[in-house]
N, C-alpha and C. Protein backbone atom coordinates (compact mmCIF):
# COMPACT_ATOMS: atom_id res chain seq x y z
N UNK A 1 99.77 71.47 122.36
CA UNK A 1 100.42 72.37 121.76
C UNK A 1 100.79 73.61 122.46
N UNK A 2 101.99 73.96 122.54
CA UNK A 2 102.36 75.11 123.38
C UNK A 2 102.14 76.48 122.56
N UNK A 3 101.87 77.57 123.17
CA UNK A 3 101.89 78.87 122.43
C UNK A 3 103.44 79.26 122.13
N UNK A 4 103.63 80.00 121.00
CA UNK A 4 104.90 80.35 120.63
C UNK A 4 105.47 81.58 121.69
N UNK A 5 106.53 81.50 121.93
CA UNK A 5 107.18 82.43 122.91
C UNK A 5 107.37 83.80 122.13
N UNK A 6 106.81 85.04 122.52
CA UNK A 6 107.08 86.15 121.75
C UNK A 6 108.16 86.72 122.38
N UNK A 7 108.92 87.26 121.52
CA UNK A 7 110.31 87.83 121.83
C UNK A 7 110.07 89.43 121.92
N UNK A 8 110.70 90.07 122.93
CA UNK A 8 110.59 91.34 123.10
C UNK A 8 112.18 92.19 122.90
N UNK A 9 112.15 93.15 121.88
CA UNK A 9 113.43 93.68 121.60
C UNK A 9 113.61 94.88 122.54
N UNK A 10 114.59 95.56 122.45
CA UNK A 10 114.85 96.88 123.37
C UNK A 10 113.76 97.90 123.34
N UNK A 11 112.87 97.97 122.27
CA UNK A 11 111.86 99.09 122.29
C UNK A 11 110.76 98.56 122.98
N UNK A 12 110.52 97.27 123.52
CA UNK A 12 109.52 96.76 124.25
C UNK A 12 108.39 96.28 123.50
N UNK A 13 108.33 96.30 122.21
CA UNK A 13 107.32 95.64 121.32
C UNK A 13 107.41 94.29 121.23
N UNK A 14 106.34 93.64 121.34
CA UNK A 14 106.54 92.19 120.92
C UNK A 14 106.70 91.98 119.53
N UNK A 15 107.64 91.00 119.13
CA UNK A 15 107.89 90.42 117.72
C UNK A 15 106.84 89.51 117.19
N UNK A 16 106.78 89.27 116.01
CA UNK A 16 106.05 88.29 115.19
C UNK A 16 106.57 86.94 115.68
N UNK A 17 105.80 85.88 116.21
CA UNK A 17 106.26 84.62 116.33
C UNK A 17 106.40 83.85 115.04
N UNK A 18 106.00 84.19 113.93
CA UNK A 18 106.13 83.44 112.65
C UNK A 18 106.49 84.40 111.61
N UNK A 19 107.17 83.93 110.73
CA UNK A 19 107.77 84.68 109.45
C UNK A 19 106.61 85.26 108.36
N UNK A 20 106.90 86.07 107.98
CA UNK A 20 108.26 86.86 107.73
C UNK A 20 108.55 87.64 109.04
N UNK A 21 109.80 87.79 109.45
CA UNK A 21 110.34 88.38 110.55
C UNK A 21 110.12 89.93 110.51
N UNK A 22 110.29 90.46 109.14
CA UNK A 22 110.12 91.88 109.13
C UNK A 22 110.39 92.20 107.46
N UNK A 23 110.73 93.54 107.56
CA UNK A 23 110.42 94.10 106.09
C UNK A 23 111.59 95.25 105.86
N UNK A 24 112.24 95.39 104.65
CA UNK A 24 113.04 96.52 104.34
C UNK A 24 112.47 97.22 103.08
N UNK A 25 112.76 98.47 102.97
CA UNK A 25 112.33 99.24 101.93
C UNK A 25 113.57 99.88 101.18
N UNK A 26 113.81 99.45 100.00
CA UNK A 26 114.93 100.09 99.13
C UNK A 26 114.24 101.22 98.30
N UNK A 27 114.72 102.34 98.71
CA UNK A 27 114.06 103.59 98.25
C UNK A 27 114.98 104.23 97.26
N UNK A 28 114.45 104.19 95.86
CA UNK A 28 115.36 104.66 94.92
C UNK A 28 114.95 106.23 94.46
N UNK A 29 116.07 106.91 94.10
CA UNK A 29 115.99 108.30 93.64
C UNK A 29 116.81 108.20 92.30
N UNK A 30 116.12 108.28 91.21
CA UNK A 30 116.59 108.24 90.04
C UNK A 30 117.05 106.74 89.48
N UNK A 31 117.95 106.74 88.60
CA UNK A 31 118.22 105.30 88.08
C UNK A 31 119.39 104.61 89.09
N UNK A 32 120.14 105.48 89.75
CA UNK A 32 121.04 104.71 90.31
C UNK A 32 121.49 105.11 91.92
N UNK A 33 120.44 105.68 92.70
CA UNK A 33 120.74 106.15 93.94
C UNK A 33 119.71 105.44 94.72
N UNK A 34 120.18 105.04 96.07
CA UNK A 34 119.48 104.40 97.18
C UNK A 34 119.56 105.20 98.43
N UNK A 35 118.48 105.25 99.06
CA UNK A 35 118.73 105.89 100.52
C UNK A 35 119.26 104.92 101.46
N UNK A 36 120.14 105.14 102.30
CA UNK A 36 120.67 104.44 103.24
C UNK A 36 120.64 105.22 104.49
N UNK A 37 120.21 104.44 105.61
CA UNK A 37 120.25 105.09 106.97
C UNK A 37 121.36 104.57 107.79
N UNK A 38 121.92 105.44 108.74
CA UNK A 38 122.66 104.63 109.68
C UNK A 38 122.14 104.61 111.11
N UNK A 39 122.05 103.43 111.41
CA UNK A 39 121.29 102.87 112.83
C UNK A 39 122.21 101.88 113.59
N UNK A 40 122.48 102.20 114.70
CA UNK A 40 123.38 101.39 115.58
C UNK A 40 124.56 101.14 114.87
N UNK A 41 125.23 102.05 114.25
CA UNK A 41 126.60 101.98 113.65
C UNK A 41 126.56 101.24 112.20
N UNK A 42 125.26 100.88 111.72
CA UNK A 42 125.47 100.20 110.56
C UNK A 42 124.55 100.87 109.51
N UNK A 43 124.90 100.86 108.24
CA UNK A 43 124.29 101.43 107.12
C UNK A 43 123.24 100.25 106.54
N UNK A 44 122.12 100.83 106.11
CA UNK A 44 121.16 99.93 105.48
C UNK A 44 119.81 100.76 105.11
N UNK A 45 119.02 100.13 104.34
CA UNK A 45 117.70 100.77 104.00
C UNK A 45 116.83 100.88 105.26
N UNK A 46 115.72 101.53 105.22
CA UNK A 46 114.71 101.63 106.32
C UNK A 46 114.19 100.12 106.40
N UNK A 47 114.14 99.61 107.59
CA UNK A 47 113.65 98.43 107.90
C UNK A 47 113.30 98.04 109.18
N UNK A 48 112.25 97.22 109.55
CA UNK A 48 111.70 96.99 110.99
C UNK A 48 111.26 95.51 111.09
N UNK A 49 111.34 95.06 112.23
CA UNK A 49 110.87 93.69 112.53
C UNK A 49 109.32 93.83 112.60
N UNK A 50 108.67 92.66 112.27
CA UNK A 50 107.16 92.69 112.31
C UNK A 50 106.61 92.35 113.57
N UNK A 51 105.60 93.18 113.81
CA UNK A 51 104.81 92.94 115.09
C UNK A 51 103.84 91.58 114.80
N UNK A 52 103.46 91.01 115.97
CA UNK A 52 102.41 89.86 115.86
C UNK A 52 101.12 90.22 115.21
N UNK A 53 100.76 89.51 114.08
CA UNK A 53 99.80 89.61 113.16
C UNK A 53 99.73 91.05 112.44
N UNK A 54 100.94 91.47 112.33
CA UNK A 54 100.95 92.73 111.48
C UNK A 54 101.14 92.22 109.98
N UNK A 55 100.29 92.93 109.15
CA UNK A 55 100.65 92.54 107.68
C UNK A 55 102.02 93.12 107.28
N UNK A 56 102.60 92.34 106.56
CA UNK A 56 103.97 92.52 106.13
C UNK A 56 104.25 94.00 105.30
N UNK A 57 103.11 94.31 104.52
CA UNK A 57 103.09 95.52 103.92
C UNK A 57 103.01 96.74 104.94
N UNK A 58 102.50 96.59 105.95
CA UNK A 58 102.06 97.58 106.96
C UNK A 58 103.45 97.69 107.76
N UNK A 59 104.13 96.48 107.93
CA UNK A 59 105.49 96.65 108.54
C UNK A 59 106.38 97.48 107.74
N UNK A 60 106.44 97.19 106.42
CA UNK A 60 107.20 98.04 105.58
C UNK A 60 107.02 99.52 105.51
N UNK A 61 105.63 99.97 105.68
CA UNK A 61 105.23 101.34 105.48
C UNK A 61 105.53 101.93 106.99
N UNK A 62 105.33 101.11 107.88
CA UNK A 62 105.76 101.74 109.26
C UNK A 62 107.35 102.12 109.35
N UNK A 63 108.20 101.14 108.81
CA UNK A 63 109.61 101.38 108.78
C UNK A 63 109.92 102.53 108.05
N UNK A 64 109.33 102.67 106.96
CA UNK A 64 109.63 103.78 105.97
C UNK A 64 109.24 105.24 106.75
N UNK A 65 107.94 105.18 107.20
CA UNK A 65 107.65 106.32 108.06
C UNK A 65 108.43 106.62 109.30
N UNK A 66 108.39 105.71 110.11
CA UNK A 66 109.21 105.87 111.46
C UNK A 66 110.69 106.22 111.29
N UNK A 67 111.37 105.55 110.47
CA UNK A 67 112.88 105.79 110.30
C UNK A 67 113.18 106.95 109.21
N UNK A 68 112.39 107.25 108.30
CA UNK A 68 112.76 108.25 107.24
C UNK A 68 111.77 109.10 107.13
N UNK A 69 110.62 109.14 107.79
CA UNK A 69 109.62 110.24 107.63
C UNK A 69 108.79 110.10 106.29
N UNK A 70 108.92 109.00 105.47
CA UNK A 70 108.35 109.04 104.17
C UNK A 70 107.08 108.05 104.14
N UNK A 71 106.17 108.41 103.42
CA UNK A 71 104.87 107.72 103.08
C UNK A 71 104.90 107.69 101.48
N UNK A 72 105.40 106.41 100.99
CA UNK A 72 105.53 106.22 99.52
C UNK A 72 104.77 104.97 99.05
N UNK A 73 104.35 104.95 97.85
CA UNK A 73 103.67 103.76 97.26
C UNK A 73 104.99 102.84 97.15
N UNK A 74 104.89 101.52 97.44
CA UNK A 74 105.84 100.49 97.37
C UNK A 74 105.43 99.18 96.85
N UNK A 75 106.18 98.41 96.24
CA UNK A 75 105.95 97.04 95.87
C UNK A 75 106.93 96.04 96.27
N UNK A 76 106.63 94.75 96.57
CA UNK A 76 107.48 93.77 97.20
C UNK A 76 108.41 93.38 95.99
N UNK A 77 109.61 92.97 96.29
CA UNK A 77 110.32 92.28 95.41
C UNK A 77 110.05 90.76 95.78
N UNK A 78 109.76 89.88 94.54
CA UNK A 78 109.54 88.59 94.97
C UNK A 78 110.53 87.80 94.81
N UNK A 79 110.30 86.45 95.30
CA UNK A 79 111.16 85.40 95.23
C UNK A 79 112.55 85.64 95.83
N UNK A 80 112.60 86.34 96.96
CA UNK A 80 113.87 86.49 97.58
C UNK A 80 114.06 85.60 98.85
N UNK A 81 113.72 86.12 99.96
CA UNK A 81 113.72 85.40 101.09
C UNK A 81 112.41 85.42 101.84
N UNK A 82 111.65 84.28 102.13
CA UNK A 82 110.43 84.41 102.60
C UNK A 82 110.29 84.89 104.29
N UNK A 83 111.70 84.95 104.67
CA UNK A 83 111.69 85.23 106.24
C UNK A 83 111.77 86.76 106.54
N UNK A 84 112.18 87.49 105.37
CA UNK A 84 112.30 88.83 105.35
C UNK A 84 111.93 89.45 103.95
N UNK A 85 110.89 90.37 104.07
CA UNK A 85 110.45 90.87 102.69
C UNK A 85 111.01 92.07 102.42
N UNK A 86 111.40 92.26 101.19
CA UNK A 86 111.96 93.46 100.75
C UNK A 86 111.05 94.06 99.71
N UNK A 87 110.73 95.48 99.94
CA UNK A 87 109.79 96.24 99.21
C UNK A 87 110.86 97.25 98.32
N UNK A 88 110.15 97.85 97.27
CA UNK A 88 110.95 98.94 96.49
C UNK A 88 110.01 100.23 96.45
N UNK A 89 110.53 101.38 96.61
CA UNK A 89 109.73 102.50 96.68
C UNK A 89 110.64 103.70 95.71
N UNK A 90 109.96 104.57 95.23
CA UNK A 90 110.75 105.52 94.27
C UNK A 90 110.27 106.98 94.67
N UNK A 91 111.34 107.85 94.81
CA UNK A 91 110.82 109.10 95.11
C UNK A 91 111.38 110.25 94.10
N UNK A 92 110.64 111.47 93.98
CA UNK A 92 111.17 112.48 93.09
C UNK A 92 111.87 113.17 94.17
N UNK A 93 113.04 113.54 93.75
CA UNK A 93 113.71 114.49 94.89
C UNK A 93 113.19 115.92 95.00
N UNK A 94 112.24 116.32 94.09
CA UNK A 94 111.62 117.70 94.48
C UNK A 94 110.60 117.57 95.46
N UNK A 95 110.28 116.45 95.80
CA UNK A 95 109.12 116.31 96.91
C UNK A 95 109.66 115.32 98.07
N UNK A 96 110.91 115.72 98.47
CA UNK A 96 111.44 114.58 99.35
C UNK A 96 111.94 115.31 100.49
N UNK A 97 111.64 114.66 101.77
CA UNK A 97 112.20 115.03 103.12
C UNK A 97 112.39 113.79 103.81
N UNK A 98 113.44 113.80 104.60
CA UNK A 98 113.81 112.64 105.41
C UNK A 98 114.07 113.11 106.90
N UNK A 99 113.53 112.36 107.69
CA UNK A 99 113.49 112.62 109.11
C UNK A 99 114.63 112.13 110.04
N UNK A 100 115.24 111.16 109.19
CA UNK A 100 116.40 110.26 109.64
C UNK A 100 117.47 111.15 110.35
N UNK A 101 118.23 110.76 111.57
CA UNK A 101 119.16 111.26 111.85
C UNK A 101 120.52 111.60 111.16
N UNK A 102 120.74 110.30 110.50
CA UNK A 102 121.95 110.13 109.74
C UNK A 102 121.56 109.42 108.35
N UNK A 103 121.67 109.97 107.14
CA UNK A 103 121.23 109.37 105.93
C UNK A 103 122.05 109.99 104.85
N UNK A 104 122.02 109.06 103.79
CA UNK A 104 122.86 109.42 102.58
C UNK A 104 122.06 108.83 101.45
N UNK A 105 122.16 109.48 100.17
CA UNK A 105 121.71 108.99 98.93
C UNK A 105 123.16 108.50 98.37
N UNK A 106 123.20 107.21 98.02
CA UNK A 106 124.57 106.54 97.62
C UNK A 106 124.24 105.75 96.35
N UNK A 107 125.31 105.57 95.57
CA UNK A 107 124.96 104.68 94.31
C UNK A 107 124.79 103.34 94.80
N UNK A 108 124.24 102.62 93.94
CA UNK A 108 123.98 101.05 94.06
C UNK A 108 125.57 100.57 94.63
N UNK A 109 126.51 100.80 93.86
CA UNK A 109 127.66 100.18 94.16
C UNK A 109 128.21 100.51 95.48
N UNK A 110 127.97 101.69 95.83
CA UNK A 110 128.50 102.14 97.18
C UNK A 110 127.37 101.39 98.43
N UNK A 111 126.25 101.40 98.06
CA UNK A 111 125.31 100.74 98.98
C UNK A 111 125.79 99.17 99.11
N UNK A 112 126.27 98.70 98.06
CA UNK A 112 126.85 97.37 98.23
C UNK A 112 128.10 97.18 99.13
N UNK A 113 128.80 98.25 99.18
CA UNK A 113 129.98 98.16 100.04
C UNK A 113 129.55 98.35 101.36
N UNK A 114 128.64 99.23 101.65
CA UNK A 114 128.19 99.63 102.96
C UNK A 114 127.44 98.64 103.80
N UNK A 115 126.46 98.08 103.11
CA UNK A 115 125.67 97.21 103.56
C UNK A 115 125.91 95.74 103.95
N UNK A 116 125.27 95.14 104.56
CA UNK A 116 125.62 93.60 104.95
C UNK A 116 125.45 92.85 103.81
N UNK A 117 125.92 91.60 103.76
CA UNK A 117 126.07 90.78 102.61
C UNK A 117 124.46 90.63 102.19
N UNK A 118 123.56 90.32 103.11
CA UNK A 118 122.37 89.94 102.93
C UNK A 118 121.50 91.00 102.20
N UNK A 119 121.81 92.22 102.85
CA UNK A 119 121.23 93.56 102.03
C UNK A 119 121.75 93.57 100.65
N UNK A 120 123.09 93.46 100.52
CA UNK A 120 123.73 93.66 99.18
C UNK A 120 123.31 92.64 98.13
N UNK A 121 122.80 91.57 98.56
CA UNK A 121 122.19 90.38 97.64
C UNK A 121 121.06 90.94 97.10
N UNK A 122 120.20 91.68 97.75
CA UNK A 122 118.88 92.29 97.07
C UNK A 122 119.14 93.36 96.10
N UNK A 123 120.24 94.02 96.16
CA UNK A 123 120.48 95.26 95.52
C UNK A 123 120.50 95.04 94.05
N UNK A 124 120.97 93.88 93.62
CA UNK A 124 121.00 93.43 92.18
C UNK A 124 119.50 93.39 91.55
N UNK A 125 118.62 93.25 92.37
CA UNK A 125 117.16 93.29 91.69
C UNK A 125 116.79 94.39 91.45
N UNK A 126 117.34 95.70 92.03
CA UNK A 126 116.78 96.96 91.67
C UNK A 126 117.96 97.77 90.96
N UNK A 127 118.93 97.13 90.52
CA UNK A 127 119.93 97.92 89.78
C UNK A 127 119.63 97.87 88.27
């Protein structure tokens, strides 16, 4: 049996050779606002690819901290796509700071318009 080939993205880190490939965190503020970050010209929630043997919850927490400067309790949305795990977190706007270069709080409907179809499909679960 051959060893799986580890992929190396632009940041030089090895990626997990097995699913789930990564995680996203849908950060809610109030009943109808989501945090979107703009990365490489595309809007989306904080997300990261999973490192080899990295627990998926650790991957989600890493994405949230590295991309948005947040450490929040979060929980996974179940039964979506086993290849990419989606988590949900909530913030109180009085205790909120974002480190991202470009971010916006938008309505769920606006998030659907800005994000890819794959991300938009998960938004119904938090609406």
